[in-house]
Amino acid sequence: MDPQPGATPYSAPAGCPMHQQQTPLYGAEFAADPHRFYDAARTHGPAAPVELAPGVDATLIVQHEAALRVLQNPALFARDSRRWAALREGAVPMDSPVLPMMVYRPNCLFTDGAEHLRLRKAVTESLARLNSSRVSRDVERIADYLIDQFIERGTADLLNEYAKLLPLLLFNQLFGCPGDIGDRLTRSMSAIFDGEDVLRANAELTECLMELVSLKRRQPGEDITSWLIQHPAGLRDEELKDQLVVLMGAGVEPERNLIASALLLMLAGEQPGAPERRGSGMLVEDALDDVLWNNPPIANYATHYPVRDIELDGVVLKAETPVLISFAAANSDPGLTDARQTLSKGAHLAWGAGPHVCPAKSPATLIALTAIEKILNTVPDLALAVPASGVAWRPGPFHRALIALPVRFTPTAARRAAAGGQPPAQTSAQLPDPYRSAPSAAPVTPRHAAEPARKQKGWWSSFLDVFRV
């Protein structure tokens, strides 16, 4: 993969749109039909120039074989974003919404070599201490709590009221967060994922996680934070904070997208004209595999930085420039025809590959499986409130995420009254449903809405009030 004389940075034919301009990955047009771009990009080579956000340029790998060559060659493609020349030179806006997902942190995602091995060992061995039965039980309790918030209405947005909140609350549980820290962690992570005032959100995230690390050094428990502190790697506070950031970042956004997209797939099969392979009879495991193949929750990520100019099948990947892997494009590569026909679990790249392959594949699958089975069993007549073709996808360069998943069902009584007499305060983790409409129905007044106003709690402290965890 050494440079060849005469090779040019994006070897598309002269006059080709791919040659003339970078494709923005953050607009509504790309979000509506990303595979149209992937198909066009692959016809001109293994990679294409893209813009991740205004002023943030990168190269996107869109072929499966090329993706593996990058993922499995850490000697040529580093993960340490301090190599990013444009960022060092001040050419990248410091308030760019993509920076929290790309800027260097001393964690196992952004390190290489021996340092990566040290940090990854601490993470993987701490995750290995999770008890699958406990995780399932925690997911079910959180799911019960969230379902109670909307089950009396007969309508819900399963993205913003269920799939998005469940992993956020679960990580508060797994990290051993007390109420106040968990509320701030939920709020700040939601804002970062949604690109809302990311500088402030990142500062709040840092503050609350450093408080958590300090607390767990004094009062350890049976939780991931304490296990990381106790690990022989001897992580410093800053390193501990950033391992928690990468765990939550890698667990929350992908998990919510996996849950929501699998629910969409299953519920879409109950509508007229749905493909035969989809439907209410589809196993949850099959729906999850389908999503991982066709709509991977993290579509474009795993940023690498070539250590020198590298030629990749006629395309020059310039040294110290961001090179991202399109897991979605790699999975839809026509060269994978046989594997795609059987949806072979071992061929798709949704979990990554190489030394940075996802260390939490098993718990992530268990969480999604449990969450989906719980909502389907609790609300058996769940149905989409809009045609499946009418759902909208959230713009953004990294994810494949729904904006909302509106559903309807028969209202039933909540099984557990909210403790403390009030619902959680609305944050960016609880967005209004742009699709919900019931013109003939009067607005539903939330329980306890008539009570005197008092200080609102966040989602995590409200959950703790109910379950006394």
Protein backbone atom coordinates (compact mmCIF):
# COMPACT_ATOMS: atom_id res chain seq x y z
CA MET A 1 0.00 0.00 0.00
CA ASP A 2 2.87 2.33 -0.72
CA PRO A 3 2.28 5.47 -2.76
CA GLN A 4 2.57 5.08 -6.51
CA PRO A 5 3.93 7.75 -8.83
CA GLY A 6 1.15 9.74 -10.40
CA ALA A 7 -1.55 8.54 -7.99
CA THR A 8 -4.01 11.30 -7.14
CA PRO A 9 -6.04 11.81 -3.98
CA TYR A 10 -9.47 10.67 -5.21
CA SER A 11 -9.11 8.86 -8.49
CA ALA A 12 -12.52 9.58 -9.96
CA PRO A 13 -12.83 10.40 -13.66
CA ALA A 14 -12.56 14.07 -14.57
CA GLY A 15 -15.95 15.73 -14.52
CA CYS A 16 -17.44 13.14 -12.15
CA PRO A 17 -19.35 14.75 -9.24
CA MET A 18 -17.32 12.58 -6.86
CA HIS A 19 -14.17 14.18 -8.27
CA GLN A 20 -15.44 17.75 -8.06
CA GLN A 21 -16.78 18.07 -4.54
CA GLN A 22 -16.97 16.49 -1.15
CA THR A 23 -20.28 14.99 -0.12
CA PRO A 24 -21.66 16.46 3.11
CA LEU A 25 -22.65 13.66 5.49
CA TYR A 26 -24.56 15.88 7.88
CA GLY A 27 -27.56 16.98 5.79
CA ALA A 28 -31.10 15.68 5.48
CA GLU A 29 -30.50 14.51 1.90
CA PHE A 30 -27.75 12.12 2.94
CA ALA A 31 -29.73 10.92 5.97
CA ALA A 32 -32.76 10.13 3.80
CA ASP A 33 -30.86 7.81 1.43
CA PRO A 34 -27.22 7.20 2.37
CA HIS A 35 -26.95 4.04 0.28
CA ARG A 36 -27.43 6.09 -2.88
CA PHE A 37 -24.19 7.90 -2.02
CA TYR A 38 -22.40 4.68 -1.06
CA ASP A 39 -23.35 3.05 -4.36
CA ALA A 40 -22.13 6.05 -6.34
CA ALA A 41 -18.90 6.27 -4.34
CA ARG A 42 -18.00 2.61 -4.85
CA THR A 43 -18.13 2.95 -8.63
CA HIS A 44 -15.10 5.28 -8.47
CA GLY A 45 -12.90 3.40 -6.00
CA PRO A 46 -12.63 2.25 -2.41
CA ALA A 47 -12.85 5.73 -0.87
CA ALA A 48 -14.56 9.08 -1.34
CA PRO A 49 -14.01 12.64 -0.07
CA VAL A 50 -16.63 13.75 2.45
CA GLU A 51 -17.40 16.64 4.76
CA LEU A 52 -18.37 15.52 8.27
CA ALA A 53 -19.46 19.01 9.33
CA PRO A 54 -18.83 22.49 7.95
CA GLY A 55 -15.05 22.84 7.73
CA VAL A 56 -14.30 19.22 8.71
CA ASP A 57 -13.00 17.19 5.75
CA ALA A 58 -12.32 13.47 5.70
CA THR A 59 -12.06 10.39 3.50
CA LEU A 60 -14.68 7.64 3.74
CA ILE A 61 -13.81 3.99 3.00
CA VAL A 62 -16.78 2.44 1.19
CA GLN A 63 -15.54 -1.02 0.13
CA HIS A 64 -15.46 -4.05 2.44
CA GLU A 65 -11.99 -5.32 1.53
CA ALA A 66 -10.50 -1.83 1.78
CA ALA A 67 -12.19 -1.34 5.16
CA LEU A 68 -10.55 -4.49 6.50
CA ARG A 69 -7.14 -3.38 5.20
CA VAL A 70 -7.45 -0.16 7.21
CA LEU A 71 -8.97 -1.72 10.34
CA GLN A 72 -6.42 -4.53 10.51
CA ASN A 73 -3.25 -2.47 9.87
CA PRO A 74 -2.58 -0.35 12.97
CA ALA A 75 1.04 0.14 11.94
CA LEU A 76 -0.10 2.18 8.93
CA PHE A 77 -3.38 3.60 10.22
CA ALA A 78 -3.26 5.10 13.73
CA ARG A 79 -6.25 6.00 15.91
CA ASP A 80 -4.61 8.81 17.91
CA SER A 81 -6.37 11.98 16.75
CA ARG A 82 -3.47 14.14 17.92
CA ARG A 83 -2.07 13.24 14.51
CA TRP A 84 -4.89 15.21 12.85
CA ALA A 85 -2.96 17.95 11.04
CA ALA A 86 -5.92 20.23 10.27
CA LEU A 87 -6.97 20.25 13.94
CA ARG A 88 -3.43 21.00 15.13
CA GLU A 89 -3.17 23.85 12.63
CA GLY A 90 -6.44 25.47 13.75
CA ALA A 91 -8.30 24.73 10.52
CA VAL A 92 -11.13 22.87 12.30
CA PRO A 93 -13.78 24.95 14.13
CA MET A 94 -13.42 24.29 17.85
CA ASP A 95 -17.20 24.40 18.32
CA SER A 96 -17.80 21.84 15.57
CA PRO A 97 -20.49 19.33 16.62
CA VAL A 98 -18.29 16.39 15.51
CA LEU A 99 -15.31 17.22 17.72
CA PRO A 100 -16.59 15.42 20.86
CA MET A 101 -16.65 12.24 18.78
CA MET A 102 -13.23 12.83 17.21
CA VAL A 103 -10.98 14.79 19.55
CA TYR A 104 -8.30 12.88 21.46
CA ARG A 105 -9.11 11.41 24.85
CA PRO A 106 -6.75 9.09 26.74
CA ASN A 107 -8.98 6.07 26.25
CA CYS A 108 -8.75 2.80 24.36
CA LEU A 109 -10.52 4.28 21.31
CA PHE A 110 -7.93 6.97 20.58
CA THR A 111 -4.70 5.21 21.52
CA ASP A 112 -2.33 2.83 19.77
CA GLY A 113 0.26 0.20 20.61
CA ALA A 114 1.13 -0.64 24.20
CA GLU A 115 -0.98 2.18 25.62
CA HIS A 116 -4.02 0.91 23.75
CA LEU A 117 -3.43 -2.62 25.03
CA ARG A 118 -3.14 -1.39 28.62
CA LEU A 119 -6.35 0.63 28.50
CA ARG A 120 -8.30 -1.94 26.49
CA LYS A 121 -7.33 -4.68 28.95
CA ALA A 122 -8.76 -2.62 31.81
CA VAL A 123 -12.01 -2.10 29.90
CA THR A 124 -12.47 -5.66 28.62
CA GLU A 125 -11.67 -7.26 31.97
CA SER A 126 -14.04 -4.89 33.78
CA LEU A 127 -16.81 -5.65 31.28
CA ALA A 128 -16.15 -9.36 31.75
CA ARG A 129 -17.21 -9.00 35.39
CA LEU A 130 -20.75 -8.07 34.35
CA ASN A 131 -23.29 -10.73 35.20
CA SER A 132 -25.64 -11.31 32.26
CA SER A 133 -28.58 -12.13 34.53
CA ARG A 134 -28.05 -8.89 36.43
CA VAL A 135 -27.84 -6.91 33.20
CA SER A 136 -31.09 -8.46 31.93
CA ARG A 137 -32.79 -7.70 35.22
CA ASP A 138 -31.59 -4.09 35.16
CA VAL A 139 -32.82 -3.65 31.57
CA GLU A 140 -36.23 -5.06 32.48
CA ARG A 141 -36.63 -2.76 35.48
CA ILE A 142 -35.67 0.31 33.49
CA ALA A 143 -37.94 -0.79 30.64
CA ASP A 144 -40.85 -1.23 33.07
CA TYR A 145 -40.25 2.25 34.43
CA LEU A 146 -40.14 3.87 30.98
CA ILE A 147 -43.17 1.97 29.69
CA ASP A 148 -45.16 3.17 32.71
CA GLN A 149 -44.52 6.75 31.60
CA PHE A 150 -46.60 6.31 28.42
CA ILE A 151 -48.67 3.13 28.69
CA GLU A 152 -51.79 5.00 29.85
CA ARG A 153 -51.71 7.27 26.78
CA GLY A 154 -52.10 4.72 24.01
CA THR A 155 -49.43 6.53 21.96
CA ALA A 156 -45.68 6.86 22.33
CA ASP A 157 -42.48 7.71 20.56
CA LEU A 158 -40.45 4.56 21.09
CA LEU A 159 -37.25 6.29 20.00
CA ASN A 160 -37.24 9.25 22.35
CA GLU A 161 -39.31 7.79 25.16
CA TYR A 162 -37.84 4.29 25.23
CA ALA A 163 -34.90 3.30 23.02
CA LYS A 164 -32.99 6.52 23.70
CA LEU A 165 -33.54 6.68 27.44
CA LEU A 166 -33.10 3.00 28.29
CA PRO A 167 -29.34 2.73 27.59
CA LEU A 168 -28.68 6.11 29.19
CA LEU A 169 -30.32 4.98 32.42
CA LEU A 170 -28.74 1.55 32.20
CA PHE A 171 -25.25 3.01 32.08
CA ASN A 172 -26.03 5.07 35.16
CA GLN A 173 -26.84 1.75 36.82
CA LEU A 174 -23.74 -0.04 35.49
CA PHE A 175 -21.49 2.86 36.49
CA GLY A 176 -23.00 3.03 40.00
CA CYS A 177 -24.17 6.66 39.66
CA PRO A 178 -26.04 8.39 42.50
CA GLY A 179 -29.07 10.44 41.49
CA ASP A 180 -27.56 13.89 40.90
CA ILE A 181 -24.51 12.65 39.00
CA GLY A 182 -26.69 10.34 36.89
CA ASP A 183 -29.08 13.16 35.99
CA ARG A 184 -26.21 15.34 34.77
CA LEU A 185 -24.60 12.42 32.96
CA THR A 186 -27.86 11.68 31.13
CA ARG A 187 -28.36 15.34 30.21
CA SER A 188 -24.82 15.97 28.98
CA MET A 189 -24.51 12.75 26.95
CA SER A 190 -27.86 13.46 25.29
CA ALA A 191 -26.73 16.95 24.31
CA ILE A 192 -23.44 15.66 22.87
CA PHE A 193 -25.19 13.02 20.77
CA ASP A 194 -27.67 15.62 19.52
CA GLY A 195 -25.00 18.24 18.78
CA GLU A 196 -26.52 20.75 21.22
CA ASP A 197 -24.08 23.25 22.78
CA VAL A 198 -21.39 20.60 22.74
CA LEU A 199 -18.74 22.68 24.51
CA ARG A 200 -20.96 23.18 27.55
CA ALA A 201 -22.19 19.58 27.43
CA ASN A 202 -18.64 18.23 27.26
CA ALA A 203 -17.61 20.35 30.25
CA GLU A 204 -20.57 19.09 32.27
CA LEU A 205 -19.82 15.50 31.26
CA THR A 206 -16.21 15.86 32.42
CA GLU A 207 -17.26 17.42 35.72
CA CYS A 208 -19.84 14.80 36.67
CA LEU A 209 -17.64 11.83 35.69
CA MET A 210 -14.70 13.18 37.70
CA GLU A 211 -17.07 13.48 40.66
CA LEU A 212 -18.12 9.87 40.12
CA VAL A 213 -14.51 8.66 40.00
CA SER A 214 -13.72 10.54 43.22
CA LEU A 215 -16.81 9.07 44.90
CA LYS A 216 -15.98 5.51 43.85
CA ARG A 217 -12.39 5.80 45.05
CA ARG A 218 -13.83 6.53 48.50
CA GLN A 219 -16.85 4.24 48.31
CA PRO A 220 -16.31 1.41 45.81
CA GLY A 221 -19.20 -0.82 44.81
CA GLU A 222 -20.09 -3.64 42.44
CA ASP A 223 -20.00 -1.47 39.33
CA ILE A 224 -17.85 -0.79 36.27
CA THR A 225 -16.42 2.44 37.70
CA SER A 226 -15.13 0.65 40.80
CA TRP A 227 -13.78 -2.27 38.77
CA LEU A 228 -11.82 0.10 36.54
CA ILE A 229 -10.39 1.82 39.60
CA GLN A 230 -9.38 -1.53 41.10
CA HIS A 231 -7.82 -2.86 37.88
CA PRO A 232 -4.05 -3.56 37.98
CA ALA A 233 -3.54 -1.13 35.09
CA GLY A 234 -3.59 1.60 37.75
CA LEU A 235 -5.59 4.13 35.72
CA ARG A 236 -5.26 7.80 36.61
CA ASP A 237 -8.44 9.80 37.28
CA GLU A 238 -8.33 11.37 33.82
CA GLU A 239 -7.92 7.95 32.22
CA LEU A 240 -10.75 6.55 34.32
CA LYS A 241 -13.04 9.36 33.26
CA ASP A 242 -12.24 8.82 29.62
CA GLN A 243 -12.74 5.04 29.72
CA LEU A 244 -16.22 5.79 31.08
CA VAL A 245 -16.78 8.27 28.26
CA VAL A 246 -15.85 5.74 25.59
CA LEU A 247 -17.97 3.03 27.21
CA MET A 248 -21.01 5.26 27.34
CA GLY A 249 -20.41 6.72 23.90
CA ALA A 250 -19.98 3.28 22.38
CA GLY A 251 -22.96 1.91 24.26
CA VAL A 252 -25.67 4.56 24.25
CA GLU A 253 -25.93 5.90 20.69
CA PRO A 254 -25.42 2.53 18.95
CA GLU A 255 -27.74 0.76 21.40
CA ARG A 256 -30.64 3.14 21.00
CA ASN A 257 -30.34 3.04 17.22
CA LEU A 258 -30.16 -0.75 17.22
CA ILE A 259 -33.26 -1.06 19.40
CA ALA A 260 -35.29 1.50 17.46
CA SER A 261 -34.34 0.23 13.99
CA ALA A 262 -35.09 -3.38 14.94
CA LEU A 263 -38.49 -2.35 16.33
CA LEU A 264 -39.21 -0.44 13.13
CA LEU A 265 -38.29 -3.49 11.08
CA MET A 266 -40.55 -5.79 13.08
CA LEU A 267 -43.50 -3.41 13.27
CA ALA A 268 -43.22 -2.50 9.58
CA GLY A 269 -44.00 -6.11 8.67
CA GLU A 270 -47.52 -5.75 10.01
CA GLN A 271 -48.36 -3.05 7.46
CA PRO A 272 -49.76 -3.77 3.98
CA GLY A 273 -47.09 -4.22 1.31
CA ALA A 274 -44.27 -5.05 3.73
CA PRO A 275 -41.58 -7.45 2.43
CA GLU A 276 -42.32 -11.08 3.22
CA ARG A 277 -39.14 -11.55 5.26
CA ARG A 278 -40.33 -8.95 7.74
CA GLY A 279 -43.27 -9.03 10.07
CA SER A 280 -44.66 -9.87 13.47
CA GLY A 281 -43.40 -13.46 13.10
CA MET A 282 -39.78 -12.30 12.75
CA LEU A 283 -37.54 -13.37 15.60
CA VAL A 284 -35.93 -10.53 17.53
CA GLU A 285 -32.50 -12.07 16.91
CA ASP A 286 -33.15 -12.03 13.15
CA ALA A 287 -34.31 -8.41 13.27
CA LEU A 288 -31.12 -7.40 15.10
CA ASP A 289 -28.95 -9.19 12.53
CA ASP A 290 -30.88 -7.52 9.70
CA VAL A 291 -30.24 -4.09 11.20
CA LEU A 292 -26.54 -4.79 11.80
CA TRP A 293 -26.21 -5.73 8.14
CA ASN A 294 -28.42 -3.15 6.45
CA ASN A 295 -28.66 -0.18 8.83
CA PRO A 296 -25.75 -0.49 11.28
CA PRO A 297 -26.39 1.89 14.20
CA ILE A 298 -22.98 3.52 13.76
CA ALA A 299 -22.76 3.84 10.01
CA ASN A 300 -19.51 5.79 9.56
CA TYR A 301 -16.83 6.04 12.23
CA ALA A 302 -13.59 4.36 13.43
CA THR A 303 -11.48 7.37 12.47
CA HIS A 304 -7.92 6.50 11.45
CA TYR A 305 -4.95 8.71 10.54
CA PRO A 306 -2.46 7.37 7.96
CA VAL A 307 1.05 7.60 9.35
CA ARG A 308 2.24 8.50 5.83
CA ASP A 309 0.68 8.89 2.39
CA ILE A 310 -0.86 5.49 1.63
CA GLU A 311 -2.08 4.32 -1.79
CA LEU A 312 -5.22 2.23 -1.59
CA ASP A 313 -6.30 0.82 -4.96
CA GLY A 314 -5.57 4.04 -6.84
CA VAL A 315 -6.65 6.42 -4.06
CA VAL A 316 -4.05 8.27 -1.99
CA LEU A 317 -4.93 8.59 1.67
CA LYS A 318 -2.94 11.60 2.81
CA ALA A 319 -0.90 11.41 5.98
CA GLU A 320 -2.48 12.86 9.14
CA THR A 321 -5.94 13.29 7.60
CA PRO A 322 -9.08 11.61 8.97
CA VAL A 323 -10.00 8.33 7.26
CA LEU A 324 -13.34 6.92 8.39
CA ILE A 325 -14.78 3.46 7.83
CA SER A 326 -18.28 3.26 6.41
CA PHE A 327 -19.58 0.13 8.08
CA ALA A 328 -22.86 0.63 6.23
CA ALA A 329 -21.19 0.85 2.82
CA ALA A 330 -18.86 -2.06 3.55
CA ASN A 331 -21.81 -4.23 4.56
CA SER A 332 -23.67 -3.41 1.34
CA ASP A 333 -20.61 -4.02 -0.87
CA PRO A 334 -21.71 -6.11 -3.89
CA GLY A 335 -18.62 -8.26 -3.32
CA LEU A 336 -20.35 -9.75 -0.27
CA THR A 337 -23.24 -11.25 -2.22
CA ASP A 338 -23.07 -14.73 -0.70
CA ALA A 339 -22.59 -13.51 2.85
CA ARG A 340 -25.41 -10.99 2.48
CA GLN A 341 -27.83 -13.61 1.18
CA THR A 342 -27.43 -15.59 4.39
CA LEU A 343 -26.84 -12.54 6.62
CA SER A 344 -23.82 -14.35 7.99
CA LYS A 345 -23.00 -12.95 11.43
CA GLY A 346 -19.27 -13.24 10.85
CA ALA A 347 -19.07 -11.11 7.71
CA HIS A 348 -20.65 -7.77 8.56
CA LEU A 349 -18.53 -5.00 10.07
CA ALA A 350 -21.09 -3.45 12.42
CA TRP A 351 -18.92 -4.44 15.40
CA GLY A 352 -15.73 -3.33 13.67
CA ALA A 353 -12.61 -5.48 13.16
CA GLY A 354 -8.95 -5.57 14.10
CA PRO A 355 -7.44 -4.44 17.42
CA HIS A 356 -10.26 -1.95 18.06
CA VAL A 357 -13.14 -4.39 17.49
CA CYS A 358 -16.05 -3.71 19.86
CA PRO A 359 -15.31 -5.35 23.24
CA ALA A 360 -18.98 -5.31 24.31
CA LYS A 361 -20.68 -7.26 21.52
CA SER A 362 -22.30 -9.80 23.86
CA PRO A 363 -23.73 -7.37 26.46
CA ALA A 364 -24.84 -4.97 23.72
CA THR A 365 -26.76 -7.75 21.99
CA LEU A 366 -28.28 -8.89 25.27
CA ILE A 367 -29.43 -5.37 26.15
CA ALA A 368 -31.12 -4.82 22.78
CA LEU A 369 -32.71 -8.27 22.81
CA THR A 370 -34.10 -7.82 26.32
CA ALA A 371 -35.39 -4.29 25.67
CA ILE A 372 -37.21 -5.30 22.49
CA GLU A 373 -38.73 -8.44 23.95
CA LYS A 374 -39.89 -6.46 26.98
CA ILE A 375 -41.80 -3.81 25.03
CA LEU A 376 -43.33 -6.35 22.64
CA ASN A 377 -44.48 -8.59 25.50
CA THR A 378 -45.77 -5.72 27.64
CA VAL A 379 -47.62 -3.98 24.79
CA PRO A 380 -48.73 -6.86 22.53
CA ASP A 381 -50.84 -4.75 20.15
CA LEU A 382 -48.05 -2.27 19.42
CA ALA A 383 -48.40 -0.79 15.89
CA LEU A 384 -46.73 1.95 13.91
CA ALA A 385 -48.69 5.20 13.96
CA VAL A 386 -47.34 6.22 10.53
CA PRO A 387 -46.41 4.27 7.39
CA ALA A 388 -42.96 2.71 7.71
CA SER A 389 -41.87 4.65 4.65
CA GLY A 390 -42.82 7.89 6.38
CA VAL A 391 -40.37 7.76 9.27
CA ALA A 392 -37.53 10.25 9.12
CA TRP A 393 -33.84 9.69 9.84
CA ARG A 394 -31.77 12.03 11.97
CA PRO A 395 -29.04 13.85 10.02
CA GLY A 396 -25.48 13.28 11.15
CA PRO A 397 -22.26 11.84 9.74
CA PHE A 398 -21.71 8.96 12.14
CA HIS A 399 -25.03 7.34 12.97
CA ARG A 400 -28.01 5.74 11.30
CA ALA A 401 -30.70 6.96 13.64
CA LEU A 402 -34.41 7.59 13.53
CA ILE A 403 -35.79 10.97 14.53
CA ALA A 404 -38.86 9.35 16.07
CA LEU A 405 -40.69 6.04 16.13
CA PRO A 406 -44.39 6.87 16.70
CA VAL A 407 -46.60 3.97 17.76
CA ARG A 408 -50.14 3.39 18.99
CA PHE A 409 -51.63 0.70 21.22
CA THR A 410 -54.45 0.03 23.65
CA PRO A 411 -54.00 2.21 26.75
CA THR A 412 -53.64 0.28 30.00
CA ALA A 413 -53.00 1.19 33.60
CA ALA A 414 -49.42 1.80 34.70
CA ARG A 415 -48.15 -0.95 36.94
CA ARG A 416 -46.07 1.20 39.26
CA ALA A 417 -46.89 4.77 40.34
CA ALA A 418 -44.05 7.28 40.10
CA ALA A 419 -42.46 7.89 43.44
CA GLY A 420 -42.03 11.45 44.60
CA GLY A 421 -45.22 12.55 42.84
CA GLN A 422 -43.70 13.98 39.66
CA PRO A 423 -42.40 12.88 36.27
CA PRO A 424 -38.79 13.57 35.31
CA ALA A 425 -37.87 16.98 33.99
CA GLN A 426 -37.91 17.17 30.19
CA THR A 427 -34.42 17.27 28.69
CA SER A 428 -32.96 16.72 25.24
CA ALA A 429 -33.34 13.02 26.01
CA GLN A 430 -37.13 13.45 25.88
CA LEU A 431 -38.01 15.28 22.69
CA PRO A 432 -41.53 16.01 21.44
CA ASP A 433 -42.77 13.54 18.85
CA PRO A 434 -43.05 15.40 15.52
CA TYR A 435 -45.28 12.67 14.11
CA ARG A 436 -47.78 12.20 16.91
CA SER A 437 -51.12 13.65 15.96
CA ALA A 438 -54.58 12.93 17.32
CA PRO A 439 -56.78 15.77 16.10
CA SER A 440 -59.97 14.33 17.54
CA ALA A 441 -58.52 13.55 20.94
CA ALA A 442 -58.05 15.97 23.80
CA PRO A 443 -54.53 16.36 25.14
CA VAL A 444 -53.71 13.86 27.84
CA THR A 445 -52.76 15.43 31.14
CA PRO A 446 -49.77 13.66 32.69
CA ARG A 447 -50.28 12.10 36.10
CA HIS A 448 -49.65 14.52 38.95
CA ALA A 449 -49.64 17.50 36.56
CA ALA A 450 -52.14 19.32 38.78
CA GLU A 451 -49.89 19.15 41.81
CA PRO A 452 -48.04 22.26 42.96
CA ALA A 453 -44.85 22.98 41.06
CA ARG A 454 -41.70 21.82 42.76
CA LYS A 455 -38.12 21.19 41.82
CA GLN A 456 -38.00 18.77 38.91
CA LYS A 457 -35.83 15.71 39.08
CA GLY A 458 -34.02 14.14 36.18
CA TRP A 459 -34.66 10.71 34.72
CA TRP A 460 -32.13 8.82 36.82
CA SER A 461 -33.05 10.24 40.22
CA SER A 462 -36.74 9.71 39.40
CA PHE A 463 -36.02 6.09 38.52
CA LEU A 464 -34.10 5.65 41.78
CA ASP A 465 -37.07 7.03 43.70
CA VAL A 466 -39.27 4.33 42.17
CA PHE A 467 -36.96 1.34 42.56
CA ARG A 468 -34.84 2.44 45.53
CA VAL A 469 -31.76 0.99 43.83
